[in-house]
Each structure stands twice: as C-alpha cells, then as structure tokens.
C-alpha cells in the first residue's frame, strides 16, 4: 500500500522523500477522519429522521 502511494506520487512528480511523504500521509489521515465523521453524522441524522417519520 505505502509503496504504491509513493510510486503514484512519483509519477505525478510530487516529492517522495520521507518527510514530505509523512506529511502527505498525515494530511490524508486528517481528511479521511473528517470525511468519516461527516458520514457518520449524516447517517445518524437520516436514522433519526426515519424514526420520527
């Protein structure tokens, strides 16, 4: 998985040194966590609406 991400980054011409790669991973993790939180929140809200109806 990690090797694949580094390869893709290299193909796009992005820096692949460990420091910037780690930064990129942290950024992806933060985005993923925010996206997951929004998805969970939306699912909970739709469930609540379903119960009220």
PDB file of N, CA and C in Angstrom:
ATOM      1  N   UNK A   1       0.837  -1.204   0.000  1.00  0.00           N
ATOM      2  CA  UNK A   1       0.000   0.000   0.000  1.00  0.00           C
ATOM      3  C   UNK A   1       0.876   1.258   0.000  1.00  0.00           C
ATOM      4  N   UNK A   2       1.803   1.334   0.943  1.00  0.00           N
ATOM      5  CA  UNK A   2       2.654   2.526   1.027  1.00  0.00           C
ATOM      6  C   UNK A   2       3.516   2.680  -0.211  1.00  0.00           C
ATOM      7  N   UNK A   3       4.084   1.566  -0.652  1.00  0.00           N
ATOM      8  CA  UNK A   3       4.947   1.605  -1.835  1.00  0.00           C
ATOM      9  C   UNK A   3       4.152   2.097  -3.038  1.00  0.00           C
ATOM     10  N   UNK A   4       2.918   1.632  -3.135  1.00  0.00           N
ATOM     11  CA  UNK A   4       2.038   2.023  -4.236  1.00  0.00           C
ATOM     12  C   UNK A   4       1.792   3.535  -4.203  1.00  0.00           C
ATOM     13  N   UNK A   5       1.553   4.079  -3.005  1.00  0.00           N
ATOM     14  CA  UNK A   5       1.310   5.519  -2.876  1.00  0.00           C
ATOM     15  C   UNK A   5       2.548   6.315  -3.274  1.00  0.00           C
ATOM     16  N   UNK A   6       3.723   5.843  -2.868  1.00  0.00           N
ATOM     17  CA  UNK A   6       4.971   6.536  -3.217  1.00  0.00           C
ATOM     18  C   UNK A   6       5.160   6.513  -4.731  1.00  0.00           C
ATOM     19  N   UNK A   7       4.880   5.371  -5.348  1.00  0.00           N
ATOM     20  CA  UNK A   7       5.024   5.240  -6.804  1.00  0.00           C
ATOM     21  C   UNK A   7       4.096   6.212  -7.516  1.00  0.00           C
ATOM     22  N   UNK A   8       2.844   6.285  -7.064  1.00  0.00           N
ATOM     23  CA  UNK A   8       1.879   7.194  -7.690  1.00  0.00           C
ATOM     24  C   UNK A   8       2.314   8.646  -7.520  1.00  0.00           C
ATOM     25  N   UNK A   9       2.813   8.985  -6.336  1.00  0.00           N
ATOM     26  CA  UNK A   9       3.282  10.348  -6.089  1.00  0.00           C
ATOM     27  C   UNK A   9       4.445  10.681  -7.016  1.00  0.00           C
ATOM     28  N   UNK A  10       5.345   9.727  -7.201  1.00  0.00           N
ATOM     29  CA  UNK A  10       6.495   9.938  -8.075  1.00  0.00           C
ATOM     30  C   UNK A  10       6.037  10.138  -9.519  1.00  0.00           C
ATOM     31  N   UNK A  11       5.039   9.380  -9.929  1.00  0.00           N
ATOM     32  CA  UNK A  11       4.514   9.513 -11.291  1.00  0.00           C
ATOM     33  C   UNK A  11       3.904  10.897 -11.514  1.00  0.00           C
ATOM     34  N   UNK A  12       3.301  11.458 -10.469  1.00  0.00           N
ATOM     35  CA  UNK A  12       2.699  12.791 -10.583  1.00  0.00           C
ATOM     36  C   UNK A  12       3.745  13.891 -10.422  1.00  0.00           C
ATOM     37  N   UNK A  13       4.978  13.491 -10.123  1.00  0.00           N
ATOM     38  CA  UNK A  13       6.049  14.463  -9.963  1.00  0.00           C
ATOM     39  C   UNK A  13       6.072  15.100  -8.590  1.00  0.00           C
ATOM     40  N   UNK A  14       5.419  14.471  -7.621  1.00  0.00           N
ATOM     41  CA  UNK A  14       5.425  15.004  -6.260  1.00  0.00           C
ATOM     42  C   UNK A  14       6.672  14.508  -5.530  1.00  0.00           C
ATOM     43  N   UNK A  15       7.153  15.262  -4.546  1.00  0.00           N
ATOM     44  CA  UNK A  15       8.342  14.821  -3.810  1.00  0.00           C
ATOM     45  C   UNK A  15       8.056  13.531  -3.051  1.00  0.00           C
ATOM     46  N   UNK A  16       9.018  12.617  -3.047  1.00  0.00           N
ATOM     47  CA  UNK A  16       8.802  11.319  -2.399  1.00  0.00           C
ATOM     48  C   UNK A  16       9.768  11.096  -1.243  1.00  0.00           C
ATOM     49  N   UNK A  17      10.444  12.162  -0.783  1.00  0.00           N
ATOM     50  CA  UNK A  17      11.339  11.975   0.359  1.00  0.00           C
ATOM     51  C   UNK A  17      10.480  11.730   1.608  1.00  0.00           C
ATOM     52  N   UNK A  18      11.017  10.979   2.583  1.00  0.00           N
ATOM     53  CA  UNK A  18      10.208  10.544   3.729  1.00  0.00           C
ATOM     54  C   UNK A  18       9.481  11.657   4.474  1.00  0.00           C
ATOM     55  N   UNK A  19      10.109  12.820   4.638  1.00  0.00           N
ATOM     56  CA  UNK A  19       9.478  13.894   5.408  1.00  0.00           C
ATOM     57  C   UNK A  19       8.198  14.392   4.736  1.00  0.00           C
ATOM     58  N   UNK A  20       8.282  14.684   3.446  1.00  0.00           N
ATOM     59  CA  UNK A  20       7.098  15.197   2.758  1.00  0.00           C
ATOM     60  C   UNK A  20       6.066  14.088   2.586  1.00  0.00           C
ATOM     61  N   UNK A  21       6.552  12.850   2.456  1.00  0.00           N
ATOM     62  CA  UNK A  21       5.639  11.717   2.324  1.00  0.00           C
ATOM     63  C   UNK A  21       4.844  11.540   3.611  1.00  0.00           C
ATOM     64  N   UNK A  22       5.530  11.686   4.750  1.00  0.00           N
ATOM     65  CA  UNK A  22       4.859  11.561   6.048  1.00  0.00           C
ATOM     66  C   UNK A  22       3.817  12.662   6.198  1.00  0.00           C
ATOM     67  N   UNK A  23       4.177  13.863   5.750  1.00  0.00           N
ATOM     68  CA  UNK A  23       3.248  14.993   5.810  1.00  0.00           C
ATOM     69  C   UNK A  23       2.010  14.696   4.968  1.00  0.00           C
ATOM     70  N   UNK A  24       2.238  14.119   3.778  1.00  0.00           N
ATOM     71  CA  UNK A  24       1.142  13.779   2.877  1.00  0.00           C
ATOM     72  C   UNK A  24       0.236  12.735   3.533  1.00  0.00           C
ATOM     73  N   UNK A  25       0.836  11.747   4.190  1.00  0.00           N
ATOM     74  CA  UNK A  25       0.060  10.697   4.868  1.00  0.00           C
ATOM     75  C   UNK A  25      -0.788  11.296   5.980  1.00  0.00           C
ATOM     76  N   UNK A  26      -0.185  12.185   6.784  1.00  0.00           N
ATOM     77  CA  UNK A  26      -0.923  12.820   7.875  1.00  0.00           C
ATOM     78  C   UNK A  26      -2.094  13.614   7.327  1.00  0.00           C
ATOM     79  N   UNK A  27      -1.867  14.297   6.210  1.00  0.00           N
ATOM     80  CA  UNK A  27      -2.911  15.082   5.570  1.00  0.00           C
ATOM     81  C   UNK A  27      -4.047  14.167   5.133  1.00  0.00           C
ATOM     82  N   UNK A  28      -3.691  13.040   4.519  1.00  0.00           N
ATOM     83  CA  UNK A  28      -4.705  12.080   4.069  1.00  0.00           C
ATOM     84  C   UNK A  28      -5.481  11.533   5.257  1.00  0.00           C
ATOM     85  N   UNK A  29      -4.781  11.222   6.347  1.00  0.00           N
ATOM     86  CA  UNK A  29      -5.445  10.689   7.536  1.00  0.00           C
ATOM     87  C   UNK A  29      -6.419  11.706   8.111  1.00  0.00           C
ATOM     88  N   UNK A  30      -6.013  12.971   8.145  1.00  0.00           N
ATOM     89  CA  UNK A  30      -6.883  14.018   8.673  1.00  0.00           C
ATOM     90  C   UNK A  30      -8.126  14.163   7.805  1.00  0.00           C
ATOM     91  N   UNK A  31      -7.929  14.162   6.478  1.00  0.00           N
ATOM     92  CA  UNK A  31      -9.065  14.277   5.567  1.00  0.00           C
ATOM     93  C   UNK A  31      -9.989  13.077   5.722  1.00  0.00           C
ATOM     94  N   UNK A  32      -9.401  11.895   5.852  1.00  0.00           N
ATOM     95  CA  UNK A  32     -10.192  10.675   5.996  1.00  0.00           C
ATOM     96  C   UNK A  32     -11.017  10.698   7.269  1.00  0.00           C
ATOM     97  N   UNK A  33     -10.418  11.169   8.357  1.00  0.00           N
ATOM     98  CA  UNK A  33     -11.126  11.221   9.634  1.00  0.00           C
ATOM     99  C   UNK A  33     -12.288  12.204   9.562  1.00  0.00           C
ATOM    100  N   UNK A  34     -12.063  13.357   8.936  1.00  0.00           N
ATOM    101  CA  UNK A  34     -13.117  14.360   8.808  1.00  0.00           C
ATOM    102  C   UNK A  34     -14.253  13.829   7.945  1.00  0.00           C
ATOM    103  N   UNK A  35     -13.883  13.150   6.855  1.00  0.00           N
ATOM    104  CA  UNK A  35     -14.886  12.596   5.942  1.00  0.00           C
ATOM    105  C   UNK A  35     -15.706  11.529   6.661  1.00  0.00           C
ATOM    106  N   UNK A  36     -15.040  10.687   7.438  1.00  0.00           N
ATOM    107  CA  UNK A  36     -15.726   9.622   8.171  1.00  0.00           C
ATOM    108  C   UNK A  36     -16.674  10.217   9.209  1.00  0.00           C
ATOM    109  N   UNK A  37     -16.221  11.263   9.897  1.00  0.00           N
ATOM    110  CA  UNK A  37     -17.060  11.901  10.912  1.00  0.00           C
ATOM    111  C   UNK A  37     -18.321  12.482  10.277  1.00  0.00           C
ATOM    112  N   UNK A  38     -18.160  13.132   9.117  1.00  0.00           N
ATOM    113  CA  UNK A  38     -19.326  13.691   8.419  1.00  0.00           C
ATOM    114  C   UNK A  38     -20.271  12.587   7.975  1.00  0.00           C
ATOM    115  N   UNK A  39     -19.722  11.491   7.474  1.00  0.00           N
ATOM    116  CA  UNK A  39     -20.547  10.376   7.001  1.00  0.00           C
ATOM    117  C   UNK A  39     -21.336   9.768   8.155  1.00  0.00           C
ATOM    118  N   UNK A  40     -20.681   9.596   9.299  1.00  0.00           N
ATOM    119  CA  UNK A  40     -21.348   9.024  10.472  1.00  0.00           C
ATOM    120  C   UNK A  40     -22.457   9.965  10.938  1.00  0.00           C
ATOM    121  N   UNK A  41     -22.155  11.262  10.966  1.00  0.00           N
ATOM    122  CA  UNK A  41     -23.134  12.254  11.398  1.00  0.00           C
ATOM    123  C   UNK A  41     -24.355  12.239  10.474  1.00  0.00           C
ATOM    124  N   UNK A  42     -24.108  12.196   9.173  1.00  0.00           N
ATOM    125  CA  UNK A  42     -25.200  12.175   8.196  1.00  0.00           C
ATOM    126  C   UNK A  42     -26.037  10.913   8.364  1.00  0.00           C
ATOM    127  N   UNK A  43     -25.379   9.785   8.596  1.00  0.00           N
ATOM    128  CA  UNK A  43     -26.100   8.525   8.784  1.00  0.00           C
ATOM    129  C   UNK A  43     -26.965   8.585  10.035  1.00  0.00           C
ATOM    130  N   UNK A  44     -26.430   9.159  11.103  1.00  0.00           N
ATOM    131  CA  UNK A  44     -27.190   9.263  12.348  1.00  0.00           C
ATOM    132  C   UNK A  44     -28.399  10.168  12.162  1.00  0.00           C
ATOM    133  N   UNK A  45     -28.217  11.283  11.457  1.00  0.00           N
ATOM    134  CA  UNK A  45     -29.323  12.213  11.226  1.00  0.00           C
ATOM    135  C   UNK A  45     -30.416  11.567  10.394  1.00  0.00           C
ATOM    136  N   UNK A  46     -30.046  10.841   9.351  1.00  0.00           N
ATOM    137  CA  UNK A  46     -31.046  10.206   8.496  1.00  0.00           C
ATOM    138  C   UNK A  46     -31.778   9.116   9.276  1.00  0.00           C
ATOM    139  N   UNK A  47     -31.077   8.460  10.194  1.00  0.00           N
ATOM    140  CA  UNK A  47     -31.710   7.440  11.034  1.00  0.00           C
ATOM    141  C   UNK A  47     -32.744   8.090  11.949  1.00  0.00           C
ATOM    142  N   UNK A  48     -32.383   9.237  12.513  1.00  0.00           N
ATOM    143  CA  UNK A  48     -33.296   9.955  13.404  1.00  0.00           C
ATOM    144  C   UNK A  48     -34.545  10.381  12.637  1.00  0.00           C
ATOM    145  N   UNK A  49     -34.361  10.898  11.438  1.00  0.00           N
ATOM    146  CA  UNK A  49     -35.493  11.326  10.611  1.00  0.00           C
ATOM    147  C   UNK A  49     -36.396  10.139  10.315  1.00  0.00           C
ATOM    148  N   UNK A  50     -35.787   8.988  10.073  1.00  0.00           N
ATOM    149  CA  UNK A  50     -36.543   7.775   9.774  1.00  0.00           C
ATOM    150  C   UNK A  50     -37.409   7.363  10.953  1.00  0.00           C
ATOM    151  N   UNK A  51     -36.889   7.540  12.158  1.00  0.00           N
ATOM    152  CA  UNK A  51     -37.642   7.153  13.358  1.00  0.00           C
ATOM    153  C   UNK A  51     -38.801   8.112  13.601  1.00  0.00           C
ATOM    154  N   UNK A  52     -38.587   9.394  13.324  1.00  0.00           N
ATOM    155  CA  UNK A  52     -39.628  10.402  13.555  1.00  0.00           C
ATOM    156  C   UNK A  52     -40.791  10.234  12.591  1.00  0.00           C
ATOM    157  N   UNK A  53     -40.465   9.885  11.354  1.00  0.00           N
ATOM    158  CA  UNK A  53     -41.491   9.804  10.308  1.00  0.00           C
ATOM    159  C   UNK A  53     -42.481   8.668  10.573  1.00  0.00           C
TER     160      UNK A  53
END
